[in-house]
N, C-alpha and C. Protein backbone atom coordinates (compact mmCIF):
# COMPACT_ATOMS: atom_id res chain seq x y z
N MET A 1 5.13 -13.62 -13.00
CA MET A 1 4.10 -12.86 -12.31
C MET A 1 2.99 -12.59 -13.31
N THR A 2 1.79 -12.90 -12.93
CA THR A 2 0.66 -12.65 -13.82
C THR A 2 0.02 -11.32 -13.49
N LEU A 3 -0.78 -10.84 -14.41
CA LEU A 3 -1.51 -9.59 -14.24
C LEU A 3 -2.33 -9.62 -12.97
N LYS A 4 -3.06 -10.67 -12.76
CA LYS A 4 -3.92 -10.76 -11.58
C LYS A 4 -3.10 -10.84 -10.30
N THR A 5 -1.97 -11.50 -10.36
CA THR A 5 -1.14 -11.63 -9.16
C THR A 5 -0.61 -10.28 -8.72
N CYS A 6 -0.11 -9.47 -9.64
CA CYS A 6 0.44 -8.18 -9.26
C CYS A 6 -0.64 -7.25 -8.73
N MET A 7 -1.80 -7.22 -9.37
CA MET A 7 -2.89 -6.40 -8.84
C MET A 7 -3.36 -6.97 -7.52
N ALA A 8 -3.32 -8.27 -7.38
CA ALA A 8 -3.70 -8.88 -6.10
C ALA A 8 -2.76 -8.42 -4.99
N CYS A 9 -1.48 -8.21 -5.32
CA CYS A 9 -0.54 -7.69 -4.31
C CYS A 9 -1.03 -6.36 -3.77
N ALA A 10 -1.39 -5.46 -4.65
CA ALA A 10 -1.84 -4.13 -4.22
C ALA A 10 -3.17 -4.22 -3.49
N ILE A 11 -4.09 -5.01 -4.01
CA ILE A 11 -5.40 -5.14 -3.37
C ILE A 11 -5.25 -5.80 -2.01
N THR A 12 -4.41 -6.83 -1.94
CA THR A 12 -4.15 -7.48 -0.66
C THR A 12 -3.57 -6.48 0.32
N GLY A 13 -2.64 -5.68 -0.14
CA GLY A 13 -2.04 -4.67 0.72
C GLY A 13 -3.05 -3.67 1.23
N LEU A 14 -3.89 -3.16 0.34
CA LEU A 14 -4.91 -2.21 0.76
C LEU A 14 -5.90 -2.85 1.72
N SER A 15 -6.30 -4.06 1.43
CA SER A 15 -7.23 -4.76 2.32
C SER A 15 -6.60 -5.02 3.67
N PHE A 16 -5.33 -5.40 3.66
CA PHE A 16 -4.62 -5.68 4.90
C PHE A 16 -4.55 -4.43 5.77
N VAL A 17 -4.21 -3.31 5.16
CA VAL A 17 -4.12 -2.06 5.91
C VAL A 17 -5.47 -1.69 6.51
N THR A 18 -6.52 -1.77 5.71
CA THR A 18 -7.85 -1.42 6.21
C THR A 18 -8.28 -2.37 7.31
N THR A 19 -8.04 -3.65 7.14
CA THR A 19 -8.38 -4.63 8.18
C THR A 19 -7.62 -4.35 9.46
N ALA A 20 -6.36 -3.98 9.32
CA ALA A 20 -5.55 -3.67 10.50
C ALA A 20 -6.14 -2.51 11.28
N VAL A 21 -6.59 -1.52 10.58
CA VAL A 21 -7.18 -0.36 11.24
C VAL A 21 -8.45 -0.75 11.99
N LEU A 22 -9.23 -1.61 11.38
CA LEU A 22 -10.51 -2.00 11.98
C LEU A 22 -10.36 -3.04 13.08
N ALA A 23 -9.22 -3.73 13.12
CA ALA A 23 -9.04 -4.84 14.07
C ALA A 23 -8.20 -4.44 15.27
N GLN A 24 -8.34 -3.24 15.73
CA GLN A 24 -7.50 -2.76 16.81
C GLN A 24 -7.76 -3.44 18.14
N SER A 25 -8.77 -4.28 18.24
CA SER A 25 -9.05 -4.96 19.50
C SER A 25 -8.34 -6.31 19.61
N ALA A 26 -7.46 -6.64 18.66
CA ALA A 26 -6.74 -7.91 18.68
C ALA A 26 -5.80 -7.94 19.89
N PRO A 27 -5.40 -9.15 20.36
CA PRO A 27 -4.44 -9.24 21.46
C PRO A 27 -3.18 -8.44 21.14
N SER A 28 -2.55 -7.86 22.15
CA SER A 28 -1.48 -6.90 21.92
C SER A 28 -0.28 -7.44 21.14
N GLN A 29 0.19 -8.67 21.41
CA GLN A 29 1.35 -9.19 20.68
C GLN A 29 1.00 -9.40 19.21
N ALA A 30 -0.14 -10.01 18.94
CA ALA A 30 -0.56 -10.22 17.56
C ALA A 30 -0.83 -8.88 16.89
N GLN A 31 -1.41 -7.97 17.64
CA GLN A 31 -1.70 -6.65 17.09
C GLN A 31 -0.40 -5.94 16.72
N GLY A 32 0.63 -6.10 17.53
CA GLY A 32 1.91 -5.45 17.24
C GLY A 32 2.49 -5.89 15.91
N ALA A 33 2.51 -7.18 15.65
CA ALA A 33 3.04 -7.70 14.39
C ALA A 33 2.15 -7.28 13.22
N PHE A 34 0.85 -7.34 13.45
CA PHE A 34 -0.12 -6.96 12.42
C PHE A 34 0.03 -5.48 12.09
N ALA A 35 0.16 -4.64 13.12
CA ALA A 35 0.29 -3.20 12.92
C ALA A 35 1.58 -2.87 12.18
N LYS A 36 2.67 -3.56 12.52
CA LYS A 36 3.96 -3.32 11.84
C LYS A 36 3.85 -3.63 10.36
N GLU A 37 3.25 -4.77 10.03
CA GLU A 37 3.11 -5.15 8.63
C GLU A 37 2.18 -4.19 7.90
N ALA A 38 1.10 -3.80 8.53
CA ALA A 38 0.17 -2.85 7.91
C ALA A 38 0.86 -1.51 7.67
N TYR A 39 1.67 -1.08 8.62
CA TYR A 39 2.41 0.18 8.47
C TYR A 39 3.37 0.11 7.29
N GLU A 40 4.09 -1.00 7.18
CA GLU A 40 5.04 -1.15 6.07
C GLU A 40 4.33 -1.18 4.73
N ILE A 41 3.19 -1.83 4.66
CA ILE A 41 2.42 -1.87 3.41
C ILE A 41 1.90 -0.48 3.06
N ALA A 42 1.40 0.24 4.05
CA ALA A 42 0.90 1.60 3.80
C ALA A 42 2.04 2.49 3.31
N ARG A 43 3.21 2.37 3.91
CA ARG A 43 4.36 3.17 3.47
C ARG A 43 4.77 2.77 2.05
N ASN A 44 4.71 1.47 1.74
CA ASN A 44 5.04 1.01 0.40
C ASN A 44 4.06 1.60 -0.61
N MET A 45 2.78 1.65 -0.26
CA MET A 45 1.78 2.24 -1.14
C MET A 45 2.07 3.72 -1.38
N ASN A 46 2.52 4.42 -0.34
CA ASN A 46 2.90 5.83 -0.52
C ASN A 46 4.04 5.96 -1.52
N GLY A 47 5.04 5.09 -1.39
CA GLY A 47 6.15 5.10 -2.33
C GLY A 47 5.70 4.77 -3.74
N LEU A 48 4.82 3.80 -3.88
CA LEU A 48 4.29 3.45 -5.20
C LEU A 48 3.50 4.60 -5.80
N ALA A 49 2.74 5.30 -4.98
CA ALA A 49 1.99 6.45 -5.48
C ALA A 49 2.96 7.51 -6.02
N ASP A 50 4.04 7.76 -5.29
CA ASP A 50 5.06 8.70 -5.76
C ASP A 50 5.67 8.23 -7.07
N TYR A 51 5.99 6.94 -7.14
CA TYR A 51 6.56 6.35 -8.35
C TYR A 51 5.62 6.56 -9.54
N CYS A 52 4.35 6.24 -9.34
CA CYS A 52 3.37 6.35 -10.42
C CYS A 52 3.19 7.80 -10.87
N GLN A 53 3.18 8.73 -9.92
CA GLN A 53 3.04 10.14 -10.29
C GLN A 53 4.29 10.64 -11.01
N ARG A 54 5.45 10.27 -10.51
CA ARG A 54 6.70 10.68 -11.13
C ARG A 54 6.78 10.21 -12.59
N LYS A 55 6.22 9.04 -12.86
CA LYS A 55 6.20 8.51 -14.23
C LYS A 55 5.11 9.15 -15.08
N GLY A 56 4.23 9.94 -14.45
CA GLY A 56 3.16 10.62 -15.19
C GLY A 56 1.91 9.78 -15.39
N TYR A 57 1.77 8.69 -14.63
CA TYR A 57 0.63 7.78 -14.82
C TYR A 57 -0.60 8.18 -14.01
N ILE A 58 -0.41 8.94 -12.94
CA ILE A 58 -1.53 9.32 -12.08
C ILE A 58 -1.42 10.80 -11.71
N GLN A 59 -2.52 11.34 -11.23
CA GLN A 59 -2.59 12.75 -10.82
C GLN A 59 -2.22 12.90 -9.34
N PRO A 60 -1.89 14.12 -8.92
CA PRO A 60 -1.54 14.35 -7.51
C PRO A 60 -2.65 13.92 -6.53
N GLY A 61 -3.90 14.03 -6.92
CA GLY A 61 -4.99 13.61 -6.05
C GLY A 61 -4.91 12.14 -5.68
N SER A 62 -4.39 11.34 -6.58
CA SER A 62 -4.24 9.91 -6.29
C SER A 62 -3.18 9.67 -5.23
N VAL A 63 -2.13 10.47 -5.26
CA VAL A 63 -1.09 10.37 -4.24
C VAL A 63 -1.69 10.75 -2.88
N GLU A 64 -2.49 11.79 -2.86
CA GLU A 64 -3.16 12.21 -1.62
C GLU A 64 -4.06 11.09 -1.10
N ASP A 65 -4.78 10.43 -2.00
CA ASP A 65 -5.65 9.32 -1.58
C ASP A 65 -4.82 8.21 -0.94
N ALA A 66 -3.69 7.86 -1.55
CA ALA A 66 -2.84 6.80 -1.00
C ALA A 66 -2.35 7.18 0.39
N ARG A 67 -2.02 8.43 0.59
CA ARG A 67 -1.48 8.89 1.87
C ARG A 67 -2.53 8.92 2.99
N LYS A 68 -3.79 8.91 2.65
CA LYS A 68 -4.85 8.95 3.67
C LYS A 68 -4.91 7.68 4.51
N LEU A 69 -4.34 6.60 4.02
CA LEU A 69 -4.36 5.34 4.77
C LEU A 69 -3.37 5.35 5.94
N LEU A 70 -2.27 6.05 5.78
CA LEU A 70 -1.19 5.99 6.77
C LEU A 70 -1.60 6.48 8.16
N PRO A 71 -2.26 7.62 8.31
CA PRO A 71 -2.62 8.06 9.67
C PRO A 71 -3.50 7.05 10.42
N MET A 72 -4.34 6.35 9.69
CA MET A 72 -5.19 5.35 10.34
C MET A 72 -4.34 4.22 10.90
N VAL A 73 -3.34 3.80 10.15
CA VAL A 73 -2.47 2.72 10.61
C VAL A 73 -1.58 3.23 11.75
N GLU A 74 -1.12 4.46 11.65
CA GLU A 74 -0.27 5.03 12.71
C GLU A 74 -1.02 5.12 14.03
N SER A 75 -2.35 5.19 13.98
CA SER A 75 -3.13 5.27 15.22
C SER A 75 -3.02 3.99 16.04
N MET A 76 -2.51 2.90 15.45
CA MET A 76 -2.32 1.64 16.16
C MET A 76 -0.94 1.58 16.82
N SER A 77 -0.17 2.64 16.74
CA SER A 77 1.18 2.71 17.32
C SER A 77 2.07 1.56 16.86
N PRO A 78 2.23 1.40 15.53
CA PRO A 78 3.04 0.29 15.03
C PRO A 78 4.54 0.52 15.24
N ASP A 79 5.29 -0.57 15.16
CA ASP A 79 6.75 -0.49 15.08
C ASP A 79 7.04 0.09 13.69
N LYS A 80 7.67 1.24 13.64
CA LYS A 80 7.90 1.93 12.37
C LYS A 80 9.27 1.65 11.76
N SER A 81 10.00 0.71 12.34
CA SER A 81 11.39 0.49 11.92
C SER A 81 11.55 0.10 10.46
N GLY A 82 10.57 -0.55 9.85
CA GLY A 82 10.70 -0.96 8.45
C GLY A 82 10.03 -0.02 7.47
N GLY A 83 9.48 1.07 7.96
CA GLY A 83 8.72 1.98 7.10
C GLY A 83 9.52 2.65 6.01
N ASP A 84 10.69 3.17 6.35
CA ASP A 84 11.50 3.86 5.35
C ASP A 84 11.91 2.92 4.22
N ALA A 85 12.31 1.70 4.57
CA ALA A 85 12.71 0.72 3.55
C ALA A 85 11.52 0.34 2.68
N ALA A 86 10.35 0.16 3.29
CA ALA A 86 9.15 -0.22 2.53
C ALA A 86 8.78 0.88 1.55
N GLU A 87 8.85 2.13 1.99
CA GLU A 87 8.53 3.24 1.09
C GLU A 87 9.57 3.36 -0.02
N ALA A 88 10.84 3.13 0.32
CA ALA A 88 11.91 3.18 -0.68
C ALA A 88 11.68 2.13 -1.77
N TYR A 89 11.21 0.94 -1.39
CA TYR A 89 10.87 -0.08 -2.39
C TYR A 89 9.79 0.46 -3.32
N GLY A 90 8.77 1.08 -2.76
CA GLY A 90 7.69 1.62 -3.58
C GLY A 90 8.18 2.70 -4.54
N ILE A 91 9.03 3.58 -4.05
CA ILE A 91 9.57 4.66 -4.89
C ILE A 91 10.33 4.09 -6.08
N LYS A 92 10.88 2.88 -5.92
CA LYS A 92 11.61 2.22 -7.01
C LYS A 92 10.69 1.34 -7.86
N GLY A 93 9.39 1.31 -7.54
CA GLY A 93 8.44 0.54 -8.34
C GLY A 93 8.26 -0.90 -7.92
N TYR A 94 8.49 -1.20 -6.64
CA TYR A 94 8.30 -2.55 -6.11
C TYR A 94 7.09 -2.60 -5.19
N VAL A 95 6.29 -3.64 -5.33
CA VAL A 95 5.10 -3.84 -4.50
C VAL A 95 5.44 -4.83 -3.39
N LEU A 96 5.09 -4.47 -2.15
CA LEU A 96 5.21 -5.37 -1.00
C LEU A 96 3.80 -5.76 -0.58
N ASP A 97 3.62 -7.02 -0.22
CA ASP A 97 2.31 -7.42 0.32
C ASP A 97 2.43 -8.21 1.60
N GLY A 98 3.65 -8.38 2.10
CA GLY A 98 3.84 -9.05 3.37
C GLY A 98 3.90 -10.57 3.31
N THR A 99 3.63 -11.16 2.16
CA THR A 99 3.62 -12.62 2.07
C THR A 99 4.66 -13.17 1.09
N ARG A 100 5.32 -12.32 0.35
CA ARG A 100 6.29 -12.78 -0.66
C ARG A 100 7.35 -11.70 -0.86
N PRO A 101 8.41 -12.03 -1.56
CA PRO A 101 9.43 -11.01 -1.85
C PRO A 101 8.84 -9.85 -2.65
N PRO A 102 9.48 -8.68 -2.61
CA PRO A 102 8.99 -7.54 -3.40
C PRO A 102 8.86 -7.90 -4.88
N VAL A 103 7.83 -7.37 -5.51
CA VAL A 103 7.56 -7.63 -6.92
C VAL A 103 7.67 -6.31 -7.68
N GLN A 104 8.50 -6.29 -8.72
CA GLN A 104 8.67 -5.07 -9.51
C GLN A 104 7.50 -4.91 -10.47
N LEU A 105 6.97 -3.68 -10.55
CA LEU A 105 5.84 -3.41 -11.45
C LEU A 105 6.16 -3.80 -12.88
N ALA A 106 7.39 -3.59 -13.30
CA ALA A 106 7.78 -3.90 -14.67
C ALA A 106 7.64 -5.39 -15.00
N GLU A 107 7.56 -6.25 -13.98
CA GLU A 107 7.42 -7.69 -14.19
C GLU A 107 5.96 -8.11 -14.35
N SER A 108 5.05 -7.19 -14.19
CA SER A 108 3.63 -7.49 -14.29
C SER A 108 3.21 -7.63 -15.74
N GLU A 109 2.15 -8.37 -15.98
CA GLU A 109 1.59 -8.44 -17.33
C GLU A 109 0.89 -7.14 -17.69
N LEU A 110 0.52 -6.36 -16.68
CA LEU A 110 -0.02 -5.03 -16.92
C LEU A 110 1.13 -4.09 -17.24
N SER A 111 0.86 -3.08 -18.03
CA SER A 111 1.87 -2.04 -18.18
C SER A 111 1.92 -1.28 -16.86
N GLU A 112 3.02 -0.59 -16.63
CA GLU A 112 3.10 0.21 -15.41
C GLU A 112 1.97 1.23 -15.35
N SER A 113 1.65 1.82 -16.48
CA SER A 113 0.56 2.80 -16.53
C SER A 113 -0.76 2.18 -16.10
N GLU A 114 -1.06 1.00 -16.63
CA GLU A 114 -2.32 0.32 -16.25
C GLU A 114 -2.32 -0.02 -14.76
N TRP A 115 -1.20 -0.55 -14.27
CA TRP A 115 -1.13 -0.90 -12.86
C TRP A 115 -1.38 0.33 -12.00
N CYS A 116 -0.67 1.42 -12.32
CA CYS A 116 -0.80 2.65 -11.53
C CYS A 116 -2.22 3.20 -11.57
N GLN A 117 -2.84 3.16 -12.73
CA GLN A 117 -4.21 3.67 -12.83
C GLN A 117 -5.18 2.81 -12.03
N GLN A 118 -4.99 1.50 -12.07
CA GLN A 118 -5.85 0.62 -11.27
C GLN A 118 -5.60 0.81 -9.78
N ALA A 119 -4.34 0.97 -9.40
CA ALA A 119 -4.02 1.21 -7.99
C ALA A 119 -4.63 2.54 -7.54
N ALA A 120 -4.55 3.56 -8.39
CA ALA A 120 -5.12 4.87 -8.05
C ALA A 120 -6.62 4.75 -7.81
N GLU A 121 -7.28 3.93 -8.60
CA GLU A 121 -8.71 3.71 -8.39
C GLU A 121 -8.94 3.02 -7.04
N GLY A 122 -8.10 2.07 -6.69
CA GLY A 122 -8.21 1.41 -5.38
C GLY A 122 -7.96 2.38 -4.24
N TRP A 123 -6.95 3.23 -4.38
CA TRP A 123 -6.67 4.23 -3.34
C TRP A 123 -7.84 5.18 -3.18
N ARG A 124 -8.43 5.58 -4.32
CA ARG A 124 -9.59 6.48 -4.26
C ARG A 124 -10.73 5.82 -3.51
N HIS A 125 -10.98 4.56 -3.83
CA HIS A 125 -12.06 3.81 -3.17
C HIS A 125 -11.83 3.73 -1.66
N TRP A 126 -10.62 3.31 -1.25
CA TRP A 126 -10.34 3.16 0.17
C TRP A 126 -10.35 4.50 0.89
N ALA A 127 -9.86 5.55 0.25
CA ALA A 127 -9.89 6.88 0.87
C ALA A 127 -11.33 7.33 1.10
N ALA A 128 -12.20 7.04 0.13
CA ALA A 128 -13.62 7.39 0.29
C ALA A 128 -14.24 6.60 1.43
N GLN A 129 -13.87 5.33 1.56
CA GLN A 129 -14.40 4.50 2.66
C GLN A 129 -13.94 5.04 4.01
N LEU A 130 -12.70 5.45 4.10
CA LEU A 130 -12.17 5.97 5.36
C LEU A 130 -12.79 7.32 5.72
N ALA A 131 -13.23 8.06 4.71
CA ALA A 131 -13.83 9.38 4.95
C ALA A 131 -15.24 9.28 5.53
N ARG A 132 -15.83 8.11 5.43
CA ARG A 132 -17.21 7.95 5.92
C ARG A 132 -17.28 7.96 7.41
């Protein structure tokens, strides 16, 4: 796993969640699968935020920023059956992006601290965009 690949997982996840929120006019069957995946990624990001804070890499405000994405995805009425497992992966330091097996932060070329700080910046950015 390269540095860019692991950060790409998080960025892809954030982009996917935001796109899912904005694409609510998709056909219902496709929307259902899209919403489920977006929900699982958002829950994984919440778990990762908890992981990063527990390790002391980010501040509580960053966790709050990560959590701001979830209500937007929940507004699409996703299948929530995989949410608990996705968040549990995040709490253990694994990134999900919906296209590959979970990737452990420790396998990244970035240190966990660097990854968490970059993710926190991404969460801050997306939370600010959603607040507009």
